[in-house]
Amino acid sequence: MTKEPLVKGTFETKKGKEIVITGTHVFNVVAFLSVIMLWVEMIQWWRTGKHLPFEILLCLVPAIVSGGYNLVKWLRARR
């Protein structure tokens, strides 16, 4: 079994550099979108006063936490 990340696709820049898109990149995009959605929901909650549905938090928080963990791992690897 290899430790290589699952490659989802590749992207070539105008300068000819090839960028490999892995499952971690896709997951980080989902985590970023979850943060944006949570921010929008919190603004709506602040404006209307209606409580945030528990199902939304149940879906968004794990993705945000995992994306934050990936960010910390990436920052430590960059040192």
C-alpha atoms as a PDB file:
ATOM      1  CA  MET A   1       0.000   0.000   0.000  1.00  0.00           C
ATOM      2  CA  THR A   2       1.411   3.376  -0.967  1.00  0.00           C
ATOM      3  CA  LYS A   3       1.371   6.518   1.098  1.00  0.00           C
ATOM      4  CA  GLU A   4       0.738   8.675  -1.953  1.00  0.00           C
ATOM      5  CA  PRO A   5      -2.465  10.758  -1.793  1.00  0.00           C
ATOM      6  CA  LEU A   6      -5.267   9.808  -4.109  1.00  0.00           C
ATOM      7  CA  VAL A   7      -4.918  12.007  -7.189  1.00  0.00           C
ATOM      8  CA  LYS A   8      -8.186  13.586  -8.281  1.00  0.00           C
ATOM      9  CA  GLY A   9      -6.761  15.446 -11.258  1.00  0.00           C
ATOM     10  CA  THR A  10      -4.024  17.679 -12.579  1.00  0.00           C
ATOM     11  CA  PHE A  11      -3.936  21.294 -13.640  1.00  0.00           C
ATOM     12  CA  GLU A  12      -1.313  22.917 -15.828  1.00  0.00           C
ATOM     13  CA  THR A  13      -0.527  26.602 -15.351  1.00  0.00           C
ATOM     14  CA  LYS A  14       0.277  29.026 -18.151  1.00  0.00           C
ATOM     15  CA  LYS A  15       3.964  28.759 -17.277  1.00  0.00           C
ATOM     16  CA  GLY A  16       3.830  24.991 -17.868  1.00  0.00           C
ATOM     17  CA  LYS A  17       3.969  23.945 -14.214  1.00  0.00           C
ATOM     18  CA  GLU A  18       1.770  20.947 -13.395  1.00  0.00           C
ATOM     19  CA  ILE A  19      -0.257  21.102 -10.189  1.00  0.00           C
ATOM     20  CA  VAL A  20      -1.623  17.844  -8.783  1.00  0.00           C
ATOM     21  CA  ILE A  21      -5.032  18.045  -7.097  1.00  0.00           C
ATOM     22  CA  THR A  22      -5.516  15.400  -4.387  1.00  0.00           C
ATOM     23  CA  GLY A  23      -8.366  14.359  -2.142  1.00  0.00           C
ATOM     24  CA  THR A  24      -6.962  16.570   0.626  1.00  0.00           C
ATOM     25  CA  HIS A  25      -7.245  19.624  -1.625  1.00  0.00           C
ATOM     26  CA  VAL A  26     -10.860  18.793  -2.384  1.00  0.00           C
ATOM     27  CA  PHE A  27     -11.599  18.309   1.315  1.00  0.00           C
ATOM     28  CA  ASN A  28      -9.978  21.652   2.171  1.00  0.00           C
ATOM     29  CA  VAL A  29     -12.229  23.400  -0.350  1.00  0.00           C
ATOM     30  CA  VAL A  30     -15.254  21.766   1.291  1.00  0.00           C
ATOM     31  CA  ALA A  31     -14.021  22.929   4.714  1.00  0.00           C
ATOM     32  CA  PHE A  32     -13.564  26.490   3.418  1.00  0.00           C
ATOM     33  CA  LEU A  33     -17.083  26.513   1.961  1.00  0.00           C
ATOM     34  CA  SER A  34     -18.380  25.173   5.300  1.00  0.00           C
ATOM     35  CA  VAL A  35     -16.802  28.113   7.117  1.00  0.00           C
ATOM     36  CA  ILE A  36     -18.455  30.529   4.699  1.00  0.00           C
ATOM     37  CA  MET A  37     -21.830  28.826   5.096  1.00  0.00           C
ATOM     38  CA  LEU A  38     -21.519  28.840   8.902  1.00  0.00           C
ATOM     39  CA  TRP A  39     -20.656  32.561   8.786  1.00  0.00           C
ATOM     40  CA  VAL A  40     -23.746  33.289   6.660  1.00  0.00           C
ATOM     41  CA  GLU A  41     -25.950  31.234   8.989  1.00  0.00           C
ATOM     42  CA  MET A  42     -24.613  33.066  12.045  1.00  0.00           C
ATOM     43  CA  ILE A  43     -25.312  36.452  10.408  1.00  0.00           C
ATOM     44  CA  GLN A  44     -28.872  35.355   9.620  1.00  0.00           C
ATOM     45  CA  TRP A  45     -29.268  34.136  13.206  1.00  0.00           C
ATOM     46  CA  TRP A  46     -28.011  37.489  14.487  1.00  0.00           C
ATOM     47  CA  ARG A  47     -30.373  39.458  12.235  1.00  0.00           C
ATOM     48  CA  THR A  48     -33.549  37.400  12.657  1.00  0.00           C
ATOM     49  CA  GLY A  49     -33.065  35.993  16.159  1.00  0.00           C
ATOM     50  CA  LYS A  50     -34.073  32.495  15.040  1.00  0.00           C
ATOM     51  CA  HIS A  51     -31.937  29.722  16.455  1.00  0.00           C
ATOM     52  CA  LEU A  52     -29.532  27.922  14.174  1.00  0.00           C
ATOM     53  CA  PRO A  53     -30.805  24.437  13.245  1.00  0.00           C
ATOM     54  CA  PHE A  54     -28.787  21.717  14.958  1.00  0.00           C
ATOM     55  CA  GLU A  55     -28.531  19.724  11.708  1.00  0.00           C
ATOM     56  CA  ILE A  56     -26.528  22.511  10.078  1.00  0.00           C
ATOM     57  CA  LEU A  57     -24.003  22.551  12.908  1.00  0.00           C
ATOM     58  CA  LEU A  58     -23.865  18.765  12.849  1.00  0.00           C
ATOM     59  CA  CYS A  59     -22.818  18.894   9.189  1.00  0.00           C
ATOM     60  CA  LEU A  60     -20.562  21.948   9.169  1.00  0.00           C
ATOM     61  CA  VAL A  61     -18.504  21.677  12.342  1.00  0.00           C
ATOM     62  CA  PRO A  62     -16.751  18.346  11.559  1.00  0.00           C
ATOM     63  CA  ALA A  63     -15.706  19.604   8.125  1.00  0.00           C
ATOM     64  CA  ILE A  64     -14.391  22.846   9.629  1.00  0.00           C
ATOM     65  CA  VAL A  65     -12.446  21.033  12.366  1.00  0.00           C
ATOM     66  CA  SER A  66     -10.900  18.587   9.916  1.00  0.00           C
ATOM     67  CA  GLY A  67      -9.997  21.387   7.521  1.00  0.00           C
ATOM     68  CA  GLY A  68      -8.364  23.261  10.401  1.00  0.00           C
ATOM     69  CA  TYR A  69      -6.371  20.137  11.253  1.00  0.00           C
ATOM     70  CA  ASN A  70      -5.188  19.915   7.632  1.00  0.00           C
ATOM     71  CA  LEU A  71      -4.198  23.587   7.745  1.00  0.00           C
ATOM     72  CA  VAL A  72      -2.150  23.067  10.912  1.00  0.00           C
ATOM     73  CA  LYS A  73      -0.400  20.040   9.380  1.00  0.00           C
ATOM     74  CA  TRP A  74       0.388  22.045   6.244  1.00  0.00           C
ATOM     75  CA  LEU A  75       1.757  24.996   8.230  1.00  0.00           C
ATOM     76  CA  ARG A  76       3.984  22.696  10.304  1.00  0.00           C
ATOM     77  CA  ALA A  77       5.305  21.028   7.156  1.00  0.00           C
ATOM     78  CA  ARG A  78       6.210  24.417   5.677  1.00  0.00           C
ATOM     79  CA  ARG A  79       8.639  25.214   8.545  1.00  0.00           C
END
